[in-house]
């Protein structure tokens, strides 16, 4: 079992051995699901499931807000 740290803007880094075992590369999508056992991350292909335009807008709004929060923290 590998320990993974939650970073600013809720980002995590998957260790190399996990990325290799799952054959993940930069830009791949992972589907996240909360289960009784914890959090399950499952690789998905965009053609199987991609964000709707509404979800894309919501994601972009969150990213923009996190960037503003980060910029504000740096100004302090």
PDB file of N, CA and C in Angstrom:
ATOM      1  N   UNK A   1       0.847  -1.175   0.000  1.00  0.00           N
ATOM      2  CA  UNK A   1       0.000   0.000   0.000  1.00  0.00           C
ATOM      3  C   UNK A   1       0.890   1.234   0.000  1.00  0.00           C
ATOM      4  N   UNK A   2       0.490   2.238  -0.761  1.00  0.00           N
ATOM      5  CA  UNK A   2       1.265   3.460  -0.906  1.00  0.00           C
ATOM      6  C   UNK A   2       0.514   4.631  -0.296  1.00  0.00           C
ATOM      7  N   UNK A   3       1.229   5.490   0.400  1.00  0.00           N
ATOM      8  CA  UNK A   3       0.647   6.682   0.990  1.00  0.00           C
ATOM      9  C   UNK A   3       0.662   7.799  -0.045  1.00  0.00           C
ATOM     10  N   UNK A   4      -0.482   8.452  -0.245  1.00  0.00           N
ATOM     11  CA  UNK A   4      -0.611   9.547  -1.201  1.00  0.00           C
ATOM     12  C   UNK A   4      -1.095  10.772  -0.442  1.00  0.00           C
ATOM     13  N   UNK A   5      -0.472  11.920  -0.697  1.00  0.00           N
ATOM     14  CA  UNK A   5      -0.812  13.157   0.018  1.00  0.00           C
ATOM     15  C   UNK A   5      -1.723  14.037  -0.824  1.00  0.00           C
ATOM     16  N   UNK A   6      -2.754  14.575  -0.193  1.00  0.00           N
ATOM     17  CA  UNK A   6      -3.659  15.514  -0.838  1.00  0.00           C
ATOM     18  C   UNK A   6      -3.003  16.886  -0.794  1.00  0.00           C
ATOM     19  N   UNK A   7      -2.862  17.520  -1.944  1.00  0.00           N
ATOM     20  CA  UNK A   7      -2.189  18.813  -2.037  1.00  0.00           C
ATOM     21  C   UNK A   7      -3.186  19.938  -2.324  1.00  0.00           C
ATOM     22  N   UNK A   8      -2.644  21.128  -2.490  1.00  0.00           N
ATOM     23  CA  UNK A   8      -3.449  22.314  -2.791  1.00  0.00           C
ATOM     24  C   UNK A   8      -4.378  22.007  -3.965  1.00  0.00           C
ATOM     25  N   UNK A   9      -5.545  22.554  -3.921  1.00  0.00           N
ATOM     26  CA  UNK A   9      -6.576  22.366  -4.955  1.00  0.00           C
ATOM     27  C   UNK A   9      -6.983  20.902  -5.073  1.00  0.00           C
ATOM     28  N   UNK A  10      -6.828  20.147  -3.971  1.00  0.00           N
ATOM     29  CA  UNK A  10      -7.252  18.744  -3.896  1.00  0.00           C
ATOM     30  C   UNK A  10      -6.538  17.850  -4.905  1.00  0.00           C
ATOM     31  N   UNK A  11      -5.306  18.184  -5.241  1.00  0.00           N
ATOM     32  CA  UNK A  11      -4.547  17.381  -6.199  1.00  0.00           C
ATOM     33  C   UNK A  11      -3.796  16.273  -5.486  1.00  0.00           C
ATOM     34  N   UNK A  12      -3.686  15.127  -6.184  1.00  0.00           N
ATOM     35  CA  UNK A  12      -2.871  14.025  -5.695  1.00  0.00           C
ATOM     36  C   UNK A  12      -1.925  13.599  -6.808  1.00  0.00           C
ATOM     37  N   UNK A  13      -0.831  12.965  -6.430  1.00  0.00           N
ATOM     38  CA  UNK A  13       0.083  12.378  -7.388  1.00  0.00           C
ATOM     39  C   UNK A  13       0.054  10.881  -7.187  1.00  0.00           C
ATOM     40  N   UNK A  14      -0.289  10.158  -8.251  1.00  0.00           N
ATOM     41  CA  UNK A  14      -0.265   8.699  -8.166  1.00  0.00           C
ATOM     42  C   UNK A  14       1.175   8.239  -8.352  1.00  0.00           C
ATOM     43  N   UNK A  15       1.674   7.389  -7.473  1.00  0.00           N
ATOM     44  CA  UNK A  15       3.040   6.913  -7.591  1.00  0.00           C
ATOM     45  C   UNK A  15       3.277   6.193  -8.917  1.00  0.00           C
ATOM     46  N   UNK A  16       4.525   6.219  -9.366  1.00  0.00           N
ATOM     47  CA  UNK A  16       4.912   5.633 -10.645  1.00  0.00           C
ATOM     48  C   UNK A  16       4.467   4.188 -10.782  1.00  0.00           C
ATOM     49  N   UNK A  17       4.653   3.392  -9.737  1.00  0.00           N
ATOM     50  CA  UNK A  17       4.303   1.971  -9.851  1.00  0.00           C
ATOM     51  C   UNK A  17       2.804   1.766 -10.081  1.00  0.00           C
ATOM     52  N   UNK A  18       1.980   2.642  -9.521  1.00  0.00           N
ATOM     53  CA  UNK A  18       0.532   2.555  -9.742  1.00  0.00           C
ATOM     54  C   UNK A  18       0.200   2.998 -11.163  1.00  0.00           C
ATOM     55  N   UNK A  19       0.807   4.109 -11.613  1.00  0.00           N
ATOM     56  CA  UNK A  19       0.557   4.575 -12.987  1.00  0.00           C
ATOM     57  C   UNK A  19       0.982   3.533 -14.005  1.00  0.00           C
ATOM     58  N   UNK A  20       2.123   2.905 -13.771  1.00  0.00           N
ATOM     59  CA  UNK A  20       2.591   1.875 -14.698  1.00  0.00           C
ATOM     60  C   UNK A  20       1.672   0.661 -14.689  1.00  0.00           C
ATOM     61  N   UNK A  21       1.280   0.205 -13.509  1.00  0.00           N
ATOM     62  CA  UNK A  21       0.409  -0.969 -13.403  1.00  0.00           C
ATOM     63  C   UNK A  21      -0.938  -0.721 -14.081  1.00  0.00           C
ATOM     64  N   UNK A  22      -1.444   0.512 -13.991  1.00  0.00           N
ATOM     65  CA  UNK A  22      -2.734   0.849 -14.595  1.00  0.00           C
ATOM     66  C   UNK A  22      -2.571   1.375 -16.021  1.00  0.00           C
ATOM     67  N   UNK A  23      -1.320   1.487 -16.473  1.00  0.00           N
ATOM     68  CA  UNK A  23      -1.006   2.007 -17.816  1.00  0.00           C
ATOM     69  C   UNK A  23      -1.599   3.401 -18.027  1.00  0.00           C
ATOM     70  N   UNK A  24      -1.412   4.246 -17.016  1.00  0.00           N
ATOM     71  CA  UNK A  24      -1.915   5.616 -17.066  1.00  0.00           C
ATOM     72  C   UNK A  24      -0.840   6.552 -17.584  1.00  0.00           C
ATOM     73  N   UNK A  25      -1.280   7.555 -18.319  1.00  0.00           N
ATOM     74  CA  UNK A  25      -0.349   8.582 -18.773  1.00  0.00           C
ATOM     75  C   UNK A  25      -1.001   9.951 -18.592  1.00  0.00           C
ATOM     76  N   UNK A  26      -0.202  11.003 -18.694  1.00  0.00           N
ATOM     77  CA  UNK A  26      -0.712  12.356 -18.514  1.00  0.00           C
ATOM     78  C   UNK A  26      -1.889  12.607 -19.456  1.00  0.00           C
ATOM     79  N   UNK A  27      -2.950  13.188 -18.899  1.00  0.00           N
ATOM     80  CA  UNK A  27      -4.127  13.499 -19.692  1.00  0.00           C
ATOM     81  C   UNK A  27      -5.213  12.442 -19.629  1.00  0.00           C
ATOM     82  N   UNK A  28      -4.894  11.261 -19.097  1.00  0.00           N
ATOM     83  CA  UNK A  28      -5.908  10.215 -18.966  1.00  0.00           C
ATOM     84  C   UNK A  28      -6.956  10.645 -17.940  1.00  0.00           C
ATOM     85  N   UNK A  29      -8.162  10.128 -18.106  1.00  0.00           N
ATOM     86  CA  UNK A  29      -9.244  10.407 -17.171  1.00  0.00           C
ATOM     87  C   UNK A  29      -9.404   9.258 -16.193  1.00  0.00           C
ATOM     88  N   UNK A  30      -9.733   9.617 -14.956  1.00  0.00           N
ATOM     89  CA  UNK A  30     -10.060   8.643 -13.931  1.00  0.00           C
ATOM     90  C   UNK A  30     -11.453   8.970 -13.415  1.00  0.00           C
ATOM     91  N   UNK A  31     -12.269   7.960 -13.276  1.00  0.00           N
ATOM     92  CA  UNK A  31     -13.593   8.115 -12.684  1.00  0.00           C
ATOM     93  C   UNK A  31     -13.447   7.855 -11.191  1.00  0.00           C
ATOM     94  N   UNK A  32     -13.969   8.744 -10.370  1.00  0.00           N
ATOM     95  CA  UNK A  32     -13.864   8.603  -8.918  1.00  0.00           C
ATOM     96  C   UNK A  32     -15.223   8.229  -8.337  1.00  0.00           C
ATOM     97  N   UNK A  33     -15.205   7.257  -7.421  1.00  0.00           N
ATOM     98  CA  UNK A  33     -16.437   6.801  -6.785  1.00  0.00           C
ATOM     99  C   UNK A  33     -16.168   6.556  -5.300  1.00  0.00           C
ATOM    100  N   UNK A  34     -17.068   7.033  -4.465  1.00  0.00           N
ATOM    101  CA  UNK A  34     -16.971   6.758  -3.037  1.00  0.00           C
ATOM    102  C   UNK A  34     -17.686   5.440  -2.775  1.00  0.00           C
ATOM    103  N   UNK A  35     -16.968   4.499  -2.156  1.00  0.00           N
ATOM    104  CA  UNK A  35     -17.535   3.193  -1.825  1.00  0.00           C
ATOM    105  C   UNK A  35     -17.467   3.002  -0.315  1.00  0.00           C
ATOM    106  N   UNK A  36     -18.059   1.928   0.164  1.00  0.00           N
ATOM    107  CA  UNK A  36     -17.978   1.635   1.601  1.00  0.00           C
ATOM    108  C   UNK A  36     -16.540   1.411   2.041  1.00  0.00           C
ATOM    109  N   UNK A  37     -15.711   0.900   1.131  1.00  0.00           N
ATOM    110  CA  UNK A  37     -14.313   0.617   1.454  1.00  0.00           C
ATOM    111  C   UNK A  37     -13.418   1.846   1.328  1.00  0.00           C
ATOM    112  N   UNK A  38     -13.902   2.904   0.674  1.00  0.00           N
ATOM    113  CA  UNK A  38     -13.082   4.097   0.499  1.00  0.00           C
ATOM    114  C   UNK A  38     -13.359   4.765  -0.832  1.00  0.00           C
ATOM    115  N   UNK A  39     -12.309   5.260  -1.464  1.00  0.00           N
ATOM    116  CA  UNK A  39     -12.428   5.950  -2.752  1.00  0.00           C
ATOM    117  C   UNK A  39     -11.843   5.055  -3.831  1.00  0.00           C
ATOM    118  N   UNK A  40     -12.624   4.826  -4.861  1.00  0.00           N
ATOM    119  CA  UNK A  40     -12.193   3.987  -5.980  1.00  0.00           C
ATOM    120  C   UNK A  40     -11.923   4.881  -7.176  1.00  0.00           C
ATOM    121  N   UNK A  41     -10.712   4.798  -7.735  1.00  0.00           N
ATOM    122  CA  UNK A  41     -10.366   5.505  -8.964  1.00  0.00           C
ATOM    123  C   UNK A  41     -10.303   4.469 -10.074  1.00  0.00           C
ATOM    124  N   UNK A  42     -11.038   4.728 -11.158  1.00  0.00           N
ATOM    125  CA  UNK A  42     -11.118   3.779 -12.265  1.00  0.00           C
ATOM    126  C   UNK A  42     -10.782   4.502 -13.564  1.00  0.00           C
ATOM    127  N   UNK A  43      -9.779   4.030 -14.331  1.00  0.00           N
ATOM    128  CA  UNK A  43      -9.473   4.673 -15.616  1.00  0.00           C
ATOM    129  C   UNK A  43     -10.661   4.532 -16.569  1.00  0.00           C
ATOM    130  N   UNK A  44     -10.939   5.593 -17.302  1.00  0.00           N
ATOM    131  CA  UNK A  44     -11.989   5.569 -18.315  1.00  0.00           C
ATOM    132  C   UNK A  44     -11.460   6.240 -19.578  1.00  0.00           C
ATOM    133  N   UNK A  45     -12.059   5.886 -20.683  1.00  0.00           N
ATOM    134  CA  UNK A  45     -11.709   6.552 -21.933  1.00  0.00           C
ATOM    135  C   UNK A  45     -12.738   7.627 -22.210  1.00  0.00           C
ATOM    136  N   UNK A  46     -12.314   8.677 -22.860  1.00  0.00           N
ATOM    137  CA  UNK A  46     -13.191   9.803 -23.119  1.00  0.00           C
ATOM    138  C   UNK A  46     -14.353   9.384 -24.012  1.00  0.00           C
ATOM    139  N   UNK A  47     -14.117   8.476 -24.941  1.00  0.00           N
ATOM    140  CA  UNK A  47     -15.208   8.065 -25.812  1.00  0.00           C
ATOM    141  C   UNK A  47     -16.262   7.275 -25.052  1.00  0.00           C
ATOM    142  N   UNK A  48     -15.892   6.656 -23.914  1.00  0.00           N
ATOM    143  CA  UNK A  48     -16.871   5.947 -23.089  1.00  0.00           C
ATOM    144  C   UNK A  48     -17.670   6.910 -22.221  1.00  0.00           C
ATOM    145  N   UNK A  49     -16.939   7.869 -21.654  1.00  0.00           N
ATOM    146  CA  UNK A  49     -17.609   8.828 -20.788  1.00  0.00           C
ATOM    147  C   UNK A  49     -16.783  10.098 -20.724  1.00  0.00           C
ATOM    148  N   UNK A  50     -17.365  11.168 -21.143  1.00  0.00           N
ATOM    149  CA  UNK A  50     -16.687  12.450 -21.075  1.00  0.00           C
ATOM    150  C   UNK A  50     -17.582  13.447 -20.376  1.00  0.00           C
ATOM    151  N   UNK A  51     -17.003  14.535 -19.895  1.00  0.00           N
ATOM    152  CA  UNK A  51     -17.813  15.539 -19.220  1.00  0.00           C
ATOM    153  C   UNK A  51     -18.784  16.204 -20.191  1.00  0.00           C
ATOM    154  N   UNK A  52     -19.965  16.505 -19.717  1.00  0.00           N
ATOM    155  CA  UNK A  52     -20.932  17.263 -20.505  1.00  0.00           C
ATOM    156  C   UNK A  52     -20.463  18.711 -20.556  1.00  0.00           C
ATOM    157  N   UNK A  53     -21.008  19.510 -21.452  1.00  0.00           N
ATOM    158  CA  UNK A  53     -20.634  20.935 -21.466  1.00  0.00           C
ATOM    159  C   UNK A  53     -20.896  21.618 -20.122  1.00  0.00           C
ATOM    160  N   UNK A  54     -21.970  21.209 -19.447  1.00  0.00           N
ATOM    161  CA  UNK A  54     -22.264  21.786 -18.136  1.00  0.00           C
ATOM    162  C   UNK A  54     -21.191  21.402 -17.119  1.00  0.00           C
ATOM    163  N   UNK A  55     -20.755  20.136 -17.168  1.00  0.00           N
ATOM    164  CA  UNK A  55     -19.704  19.686 -16.248  1.00  0.00           C
ATOM    165  C   UNK A  55     -18.388  20.385 -16.553  1.00  0.00           C
ATOM    166  N   UNK A  56     -18.088  20.562 -17.834  1.00  0.00           N
ATOM    167  CA  UNK A  56     -16.865  21.275 -18.220  1.00  0.00           C
ATOM    168  C   UNK A  56     -16.885  22.696 -17.658  1.00  0.00           C
ATOM    169  N   UNK A  57     -18.041  23.363 -17.765  1.00  0.00           N
ATOM    170  CA  UNK A  57     -18.164  24.723 -17.241  1.00  0.00           C
ATOM    171  C   UNK A  57     -17.984  24.738 -15.728  1.00  0.00           C
ATOM    172  N   UNK A  58     -18.549  23.744 -15.047  1.00  0.00           N
ATOM    173  CA  UNK A  58     -18.400  23.655 -13.594  1.00  0.00           C
ATOM    174  C   UNK A  58     -16.947  23.401 -13.204  1.00  0.00           C
ATOM    175  N   UNK A  59     -16.303  22.508 -13.925  1.00  0.00           N
ATOM    176  CA  UNK A  59     -14.884  22.216 -13.673  1.00  0.00           C
ATOM    177  C   UNK A  59     -14.054  23.474 -13.873  1.00  0.00           C
ATOM    178  N   UNK A  60     -14.301  24.180 -14.976  1.00  0.00           N
ATOM    179  CA  UNK A  60     -13.541  25.398 -15.260  1.00  0.00           C
ATOM    180  C   UNK A  60     -13.770  26.451 -14.192  1.00  0.00           C
ATOM    181  N   UNK A  61     -15.004  26.559 -13.687  1.00  0.00           N
ATOM    182  CA  UNK A  61     -15.302  27.525 -12.628  1.00  0.00           C
ATOM    183  C   UNK A  61     -14.518  27.192 -11.354  1.00  0.00           C
ATOM    184  N   UNK A  62     -14.432  25.914 -11.021  1.00  0.00           N
ATOM    185  CA  UNK A  62     -13.674  25.493  -9.836  1.00  0.00           C
ATOM    186  C   UNK A  62     -12.189  25.788 -10.033  1.00  0.00           C
ATOM    187  N   UNK A  63     -11.667  25.463 -11.212  1.00  0.00           N
ATOM    188  CA  UNK A  63     -10.252  25.731 -11.493  1.00  0.00           C
ATOM    189  C   UNK A  63      -9.973  27.233 -11.404  1.00  0.00           C
ATOM    190  N   UNK A  64     -10.840  28.039 -12.006  1.00  0.00           N
ATOM    191  CA  UNK A  64     -10.650  29.486 -11.950  1.00  0.00           C
ATOM    192  C   UNK A  64     -10.664  29.998 -10.519  1.00  0.00           C
ATOM    193  N   UNK A  65     -11.591  29.497  -9.697  1.00  0.00           N
ATOM    194  CA  UNK A  65     -11.663  29.919  -8.303  1.00  0.00           C
ATOM    195  C   UNK A  65     -10.408  29.510  -7.536  1.00  0.00           C
ATOM    196  N   UNK A  66      -9.926  28.307  -7.773  1.00  0.00           N
ATOM    197  CA  UNK A  66      -8.702  27.851  -7.097  1.00  0.00           C
ATOM    198  C   UNK A  66      -7.505  28.698  -7.508  1.00  0.00           C
ATOM    199  N   UNK A  67      -7.458  29.098  -8.767  1.00  0.00           N
ATOM    200  CA  UNK A  67      -6.365  29.973  -9.217  1.00  0.00           C
ATOM    201  C   UNK A  67      -6.441  31.330  -8.521  1.00  0.00           C
ATOM    202  N   UNK A  68      -7.663  31.858  -8.385  1.00  0.00           N
ATOM    203  CA  UNK A  68      -7.815  33.128  -7.670  1.00  0.00           C
ATOM    204  C   UNK A  68      -7.405  32.979  -6.209  1.00  0.00           C
ATOM    205  N   UNK A  69      -7.818  31.883  -5.573  1.00  0.00           N
ATOM    206  CA  UNK A  69      -7.446  31.638  -4.175  1.00  0.00           C
ATOM    207  C   UNK A  69      -5.933  31.549  -4.026  1.00  0.00           C
ATOM    208  N   UNK A  70      -5.284  30.848  -4.937  1.00  0.00           N
ATOM    209  CA  UNK A  70      -3.844  30.690  -4.893  1.00  0.00           C
ATOM    210  C   UNK A  70      -3.150  32.043  -5.070  1.00  0.00           C
ATOM    211  N   UNK A  71      -3.631  32.839  -6.036  1.00  0.00           N
ATOM    212  CA  UNK A  71      -3.032  34.157  -6.269  1.00  0.00           C
ATOM    213  C   UNK A  71      -3.197  35.041  -5.041  1.00  0.00           C
ATOM    214  N   UNK A  72      -4.353  34.958  -4.396  1.00  0.00           N
ATOM    215  CA  UNK A  72      -4.599  35.744  -3.191  1.00  0.00           C
ATOM    216  C   UNK A  72      -3.662  35.325  -2.060  1.00  0.00           C
ATOM    217  N   UNK A  73      -3.454  34.024  -1.916  1.00  0.00           N
ATOM    218  CA  UNK A  73      -2.540  33.532  -0.877  1.00  0.00           C
ATOM    219  C   UNK A  73      -1.118  34.016  -1.124  1.00  0.00           C
ATOM    220  N   UNK A  74      -0.722  34.048  -2.377  1.00  0.00           N
ATOM    221  CA  UNK A  74       0.643  34.481  -2.706  1.00  0.00           C
ATOM    222  C   UNK A  74       0.840  35.968  -2.439  1.00  0.00           C
ATOM    223  N   UNK A  75      -0.224  36.746  -2.532  1.00  0.00           N
ATOM    224  CA  UNK A  75      -0.120  38.188  -2.278  1.00  0.00           C
ATOM    225  C   UNK A  75       0.055  38.491  -0.803  1.00  0.00           C
ATOM    226  N   UNK A  76      -0.323  37.575   0.060  1.00  0.00           N
ATOM    227  CA  UNK A  76      -0.240  37.817   1.508  1.00  0.00           C
ATOM    228  C   UNK A  76       1.155  37.717   2.019  1.00  0.00           C
TER     229      UNK A  76
END
